């Protein structure tokens, strides 16, 4: 199972890195593993994460913007 998280506008690399780290930690707490992704040209990113099975699903989705 895959889940995506949109990282909002962060034109500074340090801010973008902190937002991605925050999202990745939340995804890891839900049993996901972040897989390679890229930052878009609009200073946004879409983080992709996978989980081996639905058994670890907490039912929580990450929809807030970082």
C-alpha atoms as a PDB file:
ATOM      1  CA  UNK A   1       0.000   0.000   0.000  1.00  0.00           C
ATOM      2  CA  UNK A   2       1.288   3.463  -0.910  1.00  0.00           C
ATOM      3  CA  UNK A   3       0.533   6.882   0.538  1.00  0.00           C
ATOM      4  CA  UNK A   4       1.448  10.307  -0.745  1.00  0.00           C
ATOM      5  CA  UNK A   5       1.912  13.560   1.163  1.00  0.00           C
ATOM      6  CA  UNK A   6       2.101  16.975  -0.464  1.00  0.00           C
ATOM      7  CA  UNK A   7       4.750  19.280   0.937  1.00  0.00           C
ATOM      8  CA  UNK A   8       3.693  22.897   0.442  1.00  0.00           C
ATOM      9  CA  UNK A   9       5.691  25.805  -0.922  1.00  0.00           C
ATOM     10  CA  UNK A  10       9.163  26.049   0.660  1.00  0.00           C
ATOM     11  CA  UNK A  11      11.583  28.038  -1.533  1.00  0.00           C
ATOM     12  CA  UNK A  12      14.480  27.618   0.911  1.00  0.00           C
ATOM     13  CA  UNK A  13      16.182  24.222   0.921  1.00  0.00           C
ATOM     14  CA  UNK A  14      16.515  24.089   4.719  1.00  0.00           C
ATOM     15  CA  UNK A  15      12.798  24.706   5.210  1.00  0.00           C
ATOM     16  CA  UNK A  16      11.942  22.078   2.580  1.00  0.00           C
ATOM     17  CA  UNK A  17      14.258  19.545   4.239  1.00  0.00           C
ATOM     18  CA  UNK A  18      12.652  20.137   7.642  1.00  0.00           C
ATOM     19  CA  UNK A  19       9.151  19.715   6.200  1.00  0.00           C
ATOM     20  CA  UNK A  20      10.124  16.494   4.412  1.00  0.00           C
ATOM     21  CA  UNK A  21      11.760  15.138   7.569  1.00  0.00           C
ATOM     22  CA  UNK A  22       8.628  15.924   9.598  1.00  0.00           C
ATOM     23  CA  UNK A  23       6.400  14.164   7.047  1.00  0.00           C
ATOM     24  CA  UNK A  24       8.756  11.174   6.811  1.00  0.00           C
ATOM     25  CA  UNK A  25       8.776  10.757  10.595  1.00  0.00           C
ATOM     26  CA  UNK A  26       4.968  10.824  10.708  1.00  0.00           C
ATOM     27  CA  UNK A  27       4.789   8.287   7.888  1.00  0.00           C
ATOM     28  CA  UNK A  28       7.303   6.039   9.672  1.00  0.00           C
ATOM     29  CA  UNK A  29       5.194   6.192  12.834  1.00  0.00           C
ATOM     30  CA  UNK A  30       2.324   4.822  10.739  1.00  0.00           C
ATOM     31  CA  UNK A  31       4.463   1.934   9.484  1.00  0.00           C
ATOM     32  CA  UNK A  32       5.404   3.405   6.104  1.00  0.00           C
ATOM     33  CA  UNK A  33       8.837   3.587   4.512  1.00  0.00           C
ATOM     34  CA  UNK A  34       9.591   6.654   2.401  1.00  0.00           C
ATOM     35  CA  UNK A  35      10.718   5.778  -1.120  1.00  0.00           C
ATOM     36  CA  UNK A  36      12.655   8.019  -3.549  1.00  0.00           C
ATOM     37  CA  UNK A  37      10.800  11.118  -4.747  1.00  0.00           C
ATOM     38  CA  UNK A  38      11.587  14.505  -6.217  1.00  0.00           C
ATOM     39  CA  UNK A  39      10.877  18.145  -5.515  1.00  0.00           C
ATOM     40  CA  UNK A  40       8.788  19.899  -8.160  1.00  0.00           C
ATOM     41  CA  UNK A  41       9.818  23.050  -9.980  1.00  0.00           C
ATOM     42  CA  UNK A  42       7.276  25.027  -7.953  1.00  0.00           C
ATOM     43  CA  UNK A  43       9.254  24.569  -4.692  1.00  0.00           C
ATOM     44  CA  UNK A  44       6.808  21.861  -3.574  1.00  0.00           C
ATOM     45  CA  UNK A  45       7.345  18.148  -3.091  1.00  0.00           C
ATOM     46  CA  UNK A  46       5.264  15.010  -3.128  1.00  0.00           C
ATOM     47  CA  UNK A  47       6.550  12.383  -0.711  1.00  0.00           C
ATOM     48  CA  UNK A  48       5.759   8.757  -1.579  1.00  0.00           C
ATOM     49  CA  UNK A  49       5.814   6.065   1.091  1.00  0.00           C
ATOM     50  CA  UNK A  50       4.982   2.384   1.084  1.00  0.00           C
ATOM     51  CA  UNK A  51       3.815  -0.123   3.671  1.00  0.00           C
ATOM     52  CA  UNK A  52       4.179  -3.883   3.289  1.00  0.00           C
ATOM     53  CA  UNK A  53       0.605  -4.706   4.299  1.00  0.00           C
ATOM     54  CA  UNK A  54      -2.619  -3.158   5.518  1.00  0.00           C
ATOM     55  CA  UNK A  55      -2.126  -4.908   8.881  1.00  0.00           C
ATOM     56  CA  UNK A  56      -0.079  -1.979  10.234  1.00  0.00           C
ATOM     57  CA  UNK A  57      -2.655   0.597   9.118  1.00  0.00           C
ATOM     58  CA  UNK A  58      -3.699   3.000  11.848  1.00  0.00           C
ATOM     59  CA  UNK A  59      -6.451   4.551   9.765  1.00  0.00           C
ATOM     60  CA  UNK A  60      -4.776   7.970  10.023  1.00  0.00           C
ATOM     61  CA  UNK A  61      -3.980   9.808   6.825  1.00  0.00           C
ATOM     62  CA  UNK A  62      -1.591  12.723   6.637  1.00  0.00           C
ATOM     63  CA  UNK A  63      -3.443  15.467   4.805  1.00  0.00           C
ATOM     64  CA  UNK A  64      -2.161  18.627   6.426  1.00  0.00           C
ATOM     65  CA  UNK A  65       0.351  20.720   4.581  1.00  0.00           C
ATOM     66  CA  UNK A  66       3.932  20.920   5.852  1.00  0.00           C
END
